[in-house]
Structures are given as C-alpha cells and as structure tokens.
Amino acid sequence: MSQRDASPVIRTYLWQAFNPLTPDPECILIEDIARSLSNLCRYNGHVREFYSVAEHSYWVSLDVPPKDALWGCCMTPARPIWAT
C-alpha cells in the first residue's frame, strides 16, 4: 500500500479535504452536512418509503418549542457524518 492509500482524508460532496482523525472546523460546511443527511435513510433503510435523517430532523424541529427548534433539528445528526 502506498503512502497515499493510507491517508485518512476523505473528500466531502463539495470536495473539501476532511480528516476525521484531526477534524478542522473550517472544513465542515453546512451544505456537506445537509447533502449527507438527506441521503442517509433512517432506521437503516427498514422503511417502506425512503425517510432521510434530514427529513426526520426537520420534523423534530417543528415538534419542539420554537426556542428549541435548532436543537431539535440538530439532535439526530450529532453522530459523525463519516460513520456511515
């Protein structure tokens, strides 16, 4: 295996170099997170119709008091986006 193959760096949807072992907050873009979560199916795909993590987060944000909407929207994707 070459040195290049051993790199932990991944490329995000917007082509940002991201190293999950030493994450740089400057490299984390909301557009990358939104794209990733909209393509992840809740319940490991055990649903009759596709139901994304992003959609679930949206519905949760509407189900909590308005002052907690951002927290409700962000609670589900708290796990690392590279863990899929």
C-alpha atoms as a PDB file:
ATOM      1  CA  MET A   1       0.000   0.000   0.000  1.00  0.00           C
ATOM      2  CA  SER A   2       1.372   3.401  -0.923  1.00  0.00           C
ATOM      3  CA  GLN A   3       1.544   6.330   1.476  1.00  0.00           C
ATOM      4  CA  ARG A   4      -1.289   7.983  -0.455  1.00  0.00           C
ATOM      5  CA  ASP A   5      -3.584   4.969   0.100  1.00  0.00           C
ATOM      6  CA  ALA A   6      -3.045   5.145   3.870  1.00  0.00           C
ATOM      7  CA  SER A   7      -4.366   8.708   4.212  1.00  0.00           C
ATOM      8  CA  PRO A   8      -7.432   9.068   6.451  1.00  0.00           C
ATOM      9  CA  VAL A   9      -8.549  12.128   4.462  1.00  0.00           C
ATOM     10  CA  ILE A  10     -11.912  11.882   2.753  1.00  0.00           C
ATOM     11  CA  ARG A  11     -13.460  14.247   0.224  1.00  0.00           C
ATOM     12  CA  THR A  12     -16.842  15.704   1.017  1.00  0.00           C
ATOM     13  CA  TYR A  13     -19.592  16.371  -1.515  1.00  0.00           C
ATOM     14  CA  LEU A  14     -18.217  19.897  -2.050  1.00  0.00           C
ATOM     15  CA  TRP A  15     -14.740  18.386  -2.390  1.00  0.00           C
ATOM     16  CA  GLN A  16     -13.383  19.591   0.953  1.00  0.00           C
ATOM     17  CA  ALA A  17     -10.475  17.529   2.267  1.00  0.00           C
ATOM     18  CA  PHE A  18     -11.588  16.253   5.681  1.00  0.00           C
ATOM     19  CA  ASN A  19      -9.520  14.227   8.122  1.00  0.00           C
ATOM     20  CA  PRO A  20     -11.805  12.608  10.730  1.00  0.00           C
ATOM     21  CA  LEU A  21      -8.803  11.904  12.963  1.00  0.00           C
ATOM     22  CA  THR A  22      -7.932  15.603  13.201  1.00  0.00           C
ATOM     23  CA  PRO A  23     -11.109  17.458  12.200  1.00  0.00           C
ATOM     24  CA  ASP A  24     -10.780  21.113  11.248  1.00  0.00           C
ATOM     25  CA  PRO A  25     -13.983  23.084  11.921  1.00  0.00           C
ATOM     26  CA  GLU A  26     -13.138  25.347   8.967  1.00  0.00           C
ATOM     27  CA  CYS A  27     -13.557  22.360   6.644  1.00  0.00           C
ATOM     28  CA  ILE A  28     -17.049  21.491   7.877  1.00  0.00           C
ATOM     29  CA  LEU A  29     -19.661  23.084   5.622  1.00  0.00           C
ATOM     30  CA  ILE A  30     -23.391  23.018   6.319  1.00  0.00           C
ATOM     31  CA  GLU A  31     -24.020  22.162   2.654  1.00  0.00           C
ATOM     32  CA  ASP A  32     -21.938  18.983   3.015  1.00  0.00           C
ATOM     33  CA  ILE A  33     -23.807  18.006   6.172  1.00  0.00           C
ATOM     34  CA  ALA A  34     -27.197  18.671   4.586  1.00  0.00           C
ATOM     35  CA  ARG A  35     -26.305  16.659   1.484  1.00  0.00           C
ATOM     36  CA  SER A  36     -25.044  13.748   3.560  1.00  0.00           C
ATOM     37  CA  LEU A  37     -28.023  13.652   5.909  1.00  0.00           C
ATOM     38  CA  SER A  38     -30.512  13.915   3.055  1.00  0.00           C
ATOM     39  CA  ASN A  39     -29.012  10.749   1.583  1.00  0.00           C
ATOM     40  CA  LEU A  40     -28.979   8.743   4.814  1.00  0.00           C
ATOM     41  CA  CYS A  41     -32.076   6.669   5.423  1.00  0.00           C
ATOM     42  CA  ARG A  42     -33.457   6.446   8.950  1.00  0.00           C
ATOM     43  CA  TYR A  43     -33.852   3.034  10.596  1.00  0.00           C
ATOM     44  CA  ASN A  44     -31.082   1.572   8.395  1.00  0.00           C
ATOM     45  CA  GLY A  45     -33.473   1.544   5.461  1.00  0.00           C
ATOM     46  CA  HIS A  46     -36.085  -0.658   7.137  1.00  0.00           C
ATOM     47  CA  VAL A  47     -38.927   1.559   5.948  1.00  0.00           C
ATOM     48  CA  ARG A  48     -41.454   1.221   3.157  1.00  0.00           C
ATOM     49  CA  GLU A  49     -40.574   4.649   1.739  1.00  0.00           C
ATOM     50  CA  PHE A  50     -37.261   6.493   1.936  1.00  0.00           C
ATOM     51  CA  TYR A  51     -37.175   8.636   5.080  1.00  0.00           C
ATOM     52  CA  SER A  52     -33.962  10.613   5.420  1.00  0.00           C
ATOM     53  CA  VAL A  53     -32.188  11.737   8.563  1.00  0.00           C
ATOM     54  CA  ALA A  54     -32.549  15.315   7.273  1.00  0.00           C
ATOM     55  CA  GLU A  55     -36.319  14.960   6.930  1.00  0.00           C
ATOM     56  CA  HIS A  56     -36.559  13.494  10.419  1.00  0.00           C
ATOM     57  CA  SER A  57     -34.520  16.384  11.805  1.00  0.00           C
ATOM     58  CA  TYR A  58     -36.839  18.839  10.096  1.00  0.00           C
ATOM     59  CA  TRP A  59     -39.952  17.247  11.611  1.00  0.00           C
ATOM     60  CA  VAL A  60     -38.353  17.127  15.070  1.00  0.00           C
ATOM     61  CA  SER A  61     -37.515  20.841  14.826  1.00  0.00           C
ATOM     62  CA  LEU A  62     -41.223  21.555  14.245  1.00  0.00           C
ATOM     63  CA  ASP A  63     -42.297  19.333  17.127  1.00  0.00           C
ATOM     64  CA  VAL A  64     -40.374  21.160  19.848  1.00  0.00           C
ATOM     65  CA  PRO A  65     -40.973  24.656  21.254  1.00  0.00           C
ATOM     66  CA  PRO A  66     -39.767  27.379  18.832  1.00  0.00           C
ATOM     67  CA  LYS A  67     -36.897  28.332  21.139  1.00  0.00           C
ATOM     68  CA  ASP A  68     -35.581  24.744  20.856  1.00  0.00           C
ATOM     69  CA  ALA A  69     -36.077  24.331  17.084  1.00  0.00           C
ATOM     70  CA  LEU A  70     -32.358  24.481  16.230  1.00  0.00           C
ATOM     71  CA  TRP A  71     -31.594  21.916  18.942  1.00  0.00           C
ATOM     72  CA  GLY A  72     -34.394  19.693  17.640  1.00  0.00           C
ATOM     73  CA  CYS A  73     -33.062  19.965  14.116  1.00  0.00           C
ATOM     74  CA  CYS A  74     -29.510  19.132  15.161  1.00  0.00           C
ATOM     75  CA  MET A  75     -30.096  16.344  17.689  1.00  0.00           C
ATOM     76  CA  THR A  76     -30.221  13.418  15.245  1.00  0.00           C
ATOM     77  CA  PRO A  77     -27.126  14.196  13.151  1.00  0.00           C
ATOM     78  CA  ALA A  78     -24.989  14.561  16.251  1.00  0.00           C
ATOM     79  CA  ARG A  79     -23.165  11.381  15.271  1.00  0.00           C
ATOM     80  CA  PRO A  80     -20.187  11.768  12.941  1.00  0.00           C
ATOM     81  CA  ILE A  81     -21.110  12.057   9.268  1.00  0.00           C
ATOM     82  CA  TRP A  82     -18.266   9.718   8.282  1.00  0.00           C
ATOM     83  CA  ALA A  83     -19.608   6.895  10.466  1.00  0.00           C
ATOM     84  CA  THR A  84     -21.895   5.553   7.747  1.00  0.00           C
END
